[in-house]
Amino acid sequence: MQSLKLLSPAKINLRLDVLDKRSDGYHNLRNIMDLVTGIADEVEISIVEKNLSVTCDHESVPDDEENIAFRALKEILAYSSRNVGVEVSIKKHIPVASGMGGGSSNAATVIKGINDLLKLKLPTEKLVKIGAKVGSDVPFFILEAPALAEGMGDELTPIKSLPKLPLLVINPGIRVSTAAVYHRVSSSRRHRQLEELPLSYRTKKDVIDVLHNDLQRITFREIPVLKEIEEEMIASGASASMMTGSGPTIFGIFSDKNSLHKAFEKFKKNAPETWQIFEAETVGTSKKA
C-alpha cells in the first residue's frame, strides 16, 4: 500500500482588509499571509483498492463529504487515470475554527500529496487552480510562501522579502461566528480608500507598521478576553500583537526566541488549561532569498 505522511502547516494574517461585498454574498479581501512553523496538523494519505474516505481525530471536524479535504481529494483525483481508493487520516494540532487556516491547509496537503503519490506531475499553477475550486485560502497553502492575497484570497502575489518572526500564539478555545463578524463590518470601512501595500519587508518594524485586521475591533467587542490577551502579550514583551483571521487566535511578535520563551512560560503558568499556547515562527522568505 502506497502512503505518505505530511505536515499541514498553520498560517497567520499579518494584514486583513475587508473590502466590498460580492454578488455571491462573500467579501473581497486584501490579506498578507505567512505560514507558521511549530503549529501543523499531521496528514496521512494512503492508496487503497477502493472507496474514498477522510477521517479526523477531532470530534468537531466532520469526516468524508463534509470535510474540505474530501472535496480536495475528489477534485485532484479527476486528473488521474487510475481507478483507486484513497484513505486520508488527519491528526489535528492546529486549533479548529481558529483563523489559522487548518481546513484549507489540509485540503492543500491532500492535493499536493495525491499529485506526488499518483505521479500526476501537475505543475504548481494547475494545483493552485484546483485549490481555488475547493476554498479561498487553499491556493496560498499550495504555494507555501508569504503572499499578498486579494479577491476572495485566491489572487496571489508573492511577497518578495519578509523576515522570520518569533511568535507567541494563543487560542482561548472560544467559538467565533465568522459570518456574524463579517456581517458587522461597517460599509464605511468596506468602501474606504486603501494605501498600496509594499511587497518587501526588510525588518520586523517594517512588518509591524502594516499590521492591521479589520475584523479585530468587532471580535474584541464580542469577546473582551481577546483584548485582554493582546494587552497581556504586550505587557509580556511582545513588540506587537494582533488577532489572525476572524479570531479567536491572538499572536504576538517578539524580538527574539529568548523573550518569546519567557512569555510562553508565563502564559503557560497562568492561563486556563483550555487555552492552547504555542511557541512558533513565521516561515518568511529566507528559503527563497
Protein backbone atom coordinates (compact mmCIF):
# COMPACT_ATOMS: atom_id res chain seq x y z
CA MET A 1 0.00 0.00 0.00
CA GLN A 2 1.40 3.37 -1.03
CA SER A 3 1.19 6.00 1.69
CA LEU A 4 2.57 9.41 2.51
CA LYS A 5 2.77 11.28 5.83
CA LEU A 6 2.85 15.06 5.55
CA LEU A 7 2.74 18.10 7.80
CA SER A 8 -0.06 20.56 7.10
CA PRO A 9 1.04 23.99 8.44
CA ALA A 10 -0.93 26.83 10.00
CA LYS A 11 -0.96 30.44 8.77
CA ILE A 12 -1.39 33.88 10.24
CA ASN A 13 -2.70 37.08 8.72
CA LEU A 14 -0.29 39.99 9.06
CA ARG A 15 -2.84 42.20 7.34
CA LEU A 16 -6.56 41.74 6.70
CA ASP A 17 -8.59 44.41 4.93
CA VAL A 18 -12.26 43.75 4.23
CA LEU A 19 -13.38 45.41 1.00
CA ASP A 20 -16.69 45.38 -0.87
CA LYS A 21 -19.33 42.67 -0.69
CA ARG A 22 -19.59 40.44 -3.75
CA SER A 23 -22.74 39.35 -5.56
CA ASP A 24 -22.28 35.85 -4.12
CA GLY A 25 -22.52 37.23 -0.57
CA TYR A 26 -18.83 36.92 0.26
CA HIS A 27 -16.43 39.83 0.70
CA ASN A 28 -13.44 40.79 -1.35
CA LEU A 29 -10.38 40.82 0.89
CA ARG A 30 -6.81 42.03 0.94
CA ASN A 31 -4.53 39.84 3.05
CA ILE A 32 -0.87 39.46 3.79
CA MET A 33 -0.37 35.88 4.97
CA ASP A 34 2.57 33.76 6.01
CA LEU A 35 2.96 30.14 7.04
CA VAL A 36 3.87 29.26 10.62
CA THR A 37 6.36 26.63 11.73
CA GLY A 38 5.69 24.90 15.02
CA ILE A 39 1.93 24.54 14.50
CA ALA A 40 0.87 21.89 11.99
CA ASP A 41 -1.60 19.05 11.51
CA GLU A 42 -0.42 15.58 10.51
CA VAL A 43 -1.98 14.20 7.33
CA GLU A 44 -1.54 10.59 6.19
CA ILE A 45 -2.65 9.70 2.66
CA SER A 46 -2.90 6.03 1.66
CA ILE A 47 -3.74 4.49 -1.72
CA VAL A 48 -6.14 1.55 -1.27
CA GLU A 49 -8.17 -0.70 -3.58
CA LYS A 50 -11.46 1.17 -3.49
CA ASN A 51 -13.55 3.91 -1.86
CA LEU A 52 -12.60 7.38 -0.67
CA SER A 53 -12.52 8.34 2.99
CA VAL A 54 -11.37 11.27 5.11
CA THR A 55 -11.24 10.89 8.88
CA CYS A 56 -10.12 13.28 11.61
CA ASP A 57 -9.32 12.73 15.27
CA HIS A 58 -11.08 15.95 16.36
CA GLU A 59 -14.75 15.49 17.25
CA SER A 60 -15.87 18.83 15.82
CA VAL A 61 -14.27 18.22 12.41
CA PRO A 62 -16.56 16.26 10.05
CA ASP A 63 -15.47 13.19 8.14
CA ASP A 64 -15.84 12.39 4.43
CA GLU A 65 -18.08 14.61 2.25
CA GLU A 66 -18.47 17.35 4.85
CA ASN A 67 -14.70 17.81 5.17
CA ILE A 68 -12.98 20.28 2.83
CA ALA A 69 -10.14 17.76 2.41
CA PHE A 70 -12.64 15.31 0.87
CA ARG A 71 -13.67 17.90 -1.72
CA ALA A 72 -9.99 18.47 -2.47
CA LEU A 73 -9.48 14.73 -2.86
CA LYS A 74 -12.28 14.44 -5.42
CA GLU A 75 -11.00 17.44 -7.40
CA ILE A 76 -7.42 16.17 -7.71
CA LEU A 77 -8.47 12.58 -8.47
CA ALA A 78 -10.33 13.84 -11.54
CA TYR A 79 -6.89 14.24 -13.11
CA SER A 80 -5.86 10.61 -12.53
CA SER A 81 -6.48 7.77 -14.97
CA ARG A 82 -6.07 5.21 -12.19
CA ASN A 83 -9.20 3.80 -10.54
CA VAL A 84 -8.02 3.72 -6.94
CA GLY A 85 -9.34 4.26 -3.46
CA VAL A 86 -7.79 6.76 -1.05
CA GLU A 87 -7.82 6.98 2.73
CA VAL A 88 -6.91 10.31 4.34
CA SER A 89 -6.32 10.49 8.09
CA ILE A 90 -5.93 13.89 9.78
CA LYS A 91 -4.46 14.39 13.24
CA LYS A 92 -5.27 17.90 14.41
CA HIS A 93 -2.80 20.18 16.17
CA ILE A 94 -3.91 23.47 14.62
CA PRO A 95 -6.79 24.76 16.76
CA VAL A 96 -10.13 24.20 15.00
CA ALA A 97 -12.01 27.30 13.76
CA SER A 98 -9.11 29.46 14.93
CA GLY A 99 -8.43 31.78 11.99
CA MET A 100 -5.25 29.82 11.22
CA GLY A 101 -6.49 28.02 8.11
CA GLY A 102 -6.34 24.42 9.31
CA GLY A 103 -9.03 23.11 6.96
CA SER A 104 -7.64 24.92 3.92
CA SER A 105 -4.16 23.68 4.78
CA ASN A 106 -5.41 20.09 5.00
CA ALA A 107 -7.08 20.44 1.59
CA ALA A 108 -3.89 21.79 0.02
CA THR A 109 -1.86 18.98 1.58
CA VAL A 110 -4.21 16.39 0.06
CA ILE A 111 -3.95 17.99 -3.40
CA LYS A 112 -0.14 18.06 -3.29
CA GLY A 113 0.08 14.62 -1.71
CA ILE A 114 -2.07 12.92 -4.34
CA ASN A 115 -0.15 14.71 -7.09
CA ASP A 116 3.03 13.11 -5.70
CA LEU A 117 1.65 9.67 -4.79
CA LEU A 118 -0.04 9.08 -8.14
CA LYS A 119 2.76 10.79 -10.06
CA LEU A 120 0.30 13.09 -11.82
CA LYS A 121 3.10 15.60 -12.47
CA LEU A 122 0.68 18.53 -12.48
CA PRO A 123 2.53 21.88 -12.26
CA THR A 124 2.05 24.18 -9.28
CA GLU A 125 -0.01 26.59 -11.39
CA LYS A 126 -2.52 23.81 -12.11
CA LEU A 127 -2.62 22.73 -8.46
CA VAL A 128 -3.39 26.33 -7.49
CA LYS A 129 -6.36 26.38 -9.90
CA ILE A 130 -7.62 23.09 -8.46
CA GLY A 131 -7.25 24.50 -4.95
CA ALA A 132 -9.23 27.63 -5.85
CA LYS A 133 -12.23 25.41 -6.66
CA VAL A 134 -12.07 23.95 -3.16
CA GLY A 135 -11.61 27.00 -0.94
CA SER A 136 -10.33 30.58 -0.98
CA ASP A 137 -7.21 30.03 1.16
CA VAL A 138 -6.23 26.70 -0.42
CA PRO A 139 -4.09 28.25 -3.22
CA PHE A 140 -1.98 30.06 -0.61
CA PHE A 141 -1.17 26.80 1.16
CA ILE A 142 -0.30 25.15 -2.16
CA LEU A 143 2.25 27.89 -2.92
CA GLU A 144 3.78 27.57 0.59
CA ALA A 145 5.21 31.09 0.65
CA PRO A 146 4.27 34.52 2.06
CA ALA A 147 1.81 36.27 -0.21
CA LEU A 148 -0.48 39.20 -0.73
CA ALA A 149 -3.88 37.60 -1.30
CA GLU A 150 -6.72 39.55 -2.91
CA GLY A 151 -10.22 38.83 -4.17
CA MET A 152 -11.55 36.04 -2.00
CA GLY A 153 -7.97 35.17 -1.13
CA ASP A 154 -7.25 33.30 -4.34
CA GLU A 155 -5.49 36.11 -6.26
CA LEU A 156 -1.91 35.75 -5.03
CA THR A 157 1.15 37.97 -5.38
CA PRO A 158 4.33 36.61 -3.76
CA ILE A 159 5.92 38.73 -1.03
CA LYS A 160 9.50 39.41 -2.17
CA SER A 161 11.09 39.87 1.24
CA LEU A 162 9.80 39.09 4.74
CA PRO A 163 11.81 38.33 7.89
CA LYS A 164 11.09 35.37 10.11
CA LEU A 165 9.02 36.47 13.12
CA PRO A 166 9.21 34.74 16.54
CA LEU A 167 5.58 34.30 17.60
CA LEU A 168 3.61 33.53 20.71
CA VAL A 169 0.26 32.17 19.55
CA ILE A 170 -2.71 31.81 21.91
CA ASN A 171 -6.10 30.28 21.16
CA PRO A 172 -8.53 30.52 24.11
CA GLY A 173 -10.92 27.99 22.58
CA ILE A 174 -13.84 30.39 22.21
CA ARG A 175 -16.06 29.92 19.16
CA VAL A 176 -16.38 32.90 16.83
CA SER A 177 -19.09 33.15 14.18
CA THR A 178 -17.12 34.21 11.11
CA ALA A 179 -20.31 35.03 9.20
CA ALA A 180 -21.57 37.26 12.01
CA VAL A 181 -18.25 39.11 12.25
CA TYR A 182 -18.18 39.84 8.51
CA HIS A 183 -21.82 40.95 8.64
CA ARG A 184 -20.91 43.60 11.21
CA VAL A 185 -18.09 45.14 9.19
CA SER A 186 -19.32 48.67 8.52
CA SER A 187 -19.91 49.85 4.98
CA SER A 188 -17.68 52.87 5.61
CA ARG A 189 -14.70 50.59 6.20
CA ARG A 190 -15.53 48.42 3.22
CA HIS A 191 -15.53 51.37 0.83
CA ARG A 192 -12.62 53.39 2.22
CA GLN A 193 -9.57 54.27 0.17
CA LEU A 194 -6.64 51.96 0.89
CA GLU A 195 -2.96 52.71 0.56
CA GLU A 196 -0.92 50.37 -1.59
CA LEU A 197 0.89 47.72 0.43
CA PRO A 198 4.59 47.06 -0.20
CA LEU A 199 5.74 43.62 -1.29
CA SER A 200 9.10 43.81 0.54
CA TYR A 201 9.64 44.00 4.31
CA ARG A 202 13.27 44.18 5.44
CA THR A 203 12.83 44.34 9.21
CA LYS A 204 10.34 43.34 11.92
CA LYS A 205 9.46 47.03 12.26
CA ASP A 206 8.51 47.14 8.58
CA VAL A 207 6.07 44.30 9.22
CA ILE A 208 4.71 45.81 12.43
CA ASP A 209 4.00 49.07 10.59
CA VAL A 210 1.47 47.31 8.30
CA LEU A 211 -0.19 45.07 10.90
CA HIS A 212 -3.95 45.56 10.76
CA ASN A 213 -7.09 43.45 10.92
CA ASP A 214 -10.47 44.98 10.04
CA LEU A 215 -12.26 42.21 11.95
CA GLN A 216 -10.39 42.65 15.22
CA ARG A 217 -12.37 45.54 16.71
CA ILE A 218 -15.67 43.74 16.09
CA THR A 219 -14.49 40.42 17.51
CA PHE A 220 -12.90 42.11 20.55
CA ARG A 221 -16.21 43.83 21.28
CA GLU A 222 -17.98 40.46 21.25
CA ILE A 223 -15.25 38.61 23.19
CA PRO A 224 -13.45 41.04 25.56
CA VAL A 225 -10.96 38.44 26.81
CA LEU A 226 -9.26 38.60 23.40
CA LYS A 227 -8.39 42.26 24.02
CA GLU A 228 -7.04 41.25 27.42
CA ILE A 229 -4.81 38.61 25.81
CA GLU A 230 -3.50 41.16 23.32
CA GLU A 231 -2.70 43.62 26.12
CA GLU A 232 -1.01 40.92 28.22
CA MET A 233 1.09 39.92 25.18
CA ILE A 234 2.45 43.48 25.01
CA ALA A 235 2.99 43.57 28.77
CA SER A 236 4.93 40.30 28.47
CA GLY A 237 7.39 41.75 25.96
CA ALA A 238 5.77 41.44 22.54
CA SER A 239 6.69 44.21 20.11
CA ALA A 240 3.18 43.97 18.63
CA SER A 241 0.10 41.78 18.94
CA MET A 242 -2.92 41.13 16.73
CA MET A 243 -5.76 38.72 16.01
CA THR A 244 -5.45 36.45 12.98
CA GLY A 245 -8.43 35.96 10.66
CA SER A 246 -11.80 36.38 12.35
CA GLY A 247 -10.30 35.02 15.57
CA PRO A 248 -10.18 33.96 18.24
CA THR A 249 -6.41 33.32 17.93
CA ILE A 250 -4.09 36.11 19.07
CA PHE A 251 -0.41 36.26 18.17
CA GLY A 252 2.45 38.37 19.49
CA ILE A 253 5.65 39.23 17.63
CA PHE A 254 8.78 39.05 19.78
CA SER A 255 12.27 40.43 19.22
CA ASP A 256 13.97 37.07 19.81
CA LYS A 257 13.31 33.49 20.86
CA ASN A 258 14.55 34.05 24.41
CA SER A 259 11.99 36.76 25.19
CA LEU A 260 9.38 34.66 23.41
CA HIS A 261 10.10 31.65 25.62
CA LYS A 262 9.85 33.73 28.80
CA ALA A 263 6.41 34.97 27.75
CA PHE A 264 5.39 31.43 26.77
CA GLU A 265 6.32 30.12 30.23
CA LYS A 266 4.42 32.97 31.88
CA PHE A 267 1.23 32.29 29.94
CA LYS A 268 1.51 28.50 30.41
CA LYS A 269 1.74 29.03 34.16
CA ASN A 270 -1.17 31.45 34.49
CA ALA A 271 -3.59 30.74 31.63
CA PRO A 272 -6.62 28.42 31.87
CA GLU A 273 -5.90 24.81 30.90
CA THR A 274 -8.34 25.06 27.99
CA TRP A 275 -6.15 27.61 26.22
CA GLN A 276 -3.79 26.38 23.50
CA ILE A 277 -0.45 28.19 23.65
CA PHE A 278 2.34 27.80 21.10
CA GLU A 279 5.88 28.98 20.53
CA ALA A 280 6.15 29.41 16.78
CA GLU A 281 7.80 31.32 13.96
CA THR A 282 6.74 32.55 10.56
CA VAL A 283 8.44 31.00 7.54
CA GLY A 284 9.39 34.31 5.92
CA THR A 285 11.27 34.42 2.64
CA SER A 286 14.70 33.26 3.83
CA LYS A 287 14.41 30.00 1.86
CA LYS A 288 13.66 31.94 -1.30
CA ALA A 289 16.31 34.63 -0.91
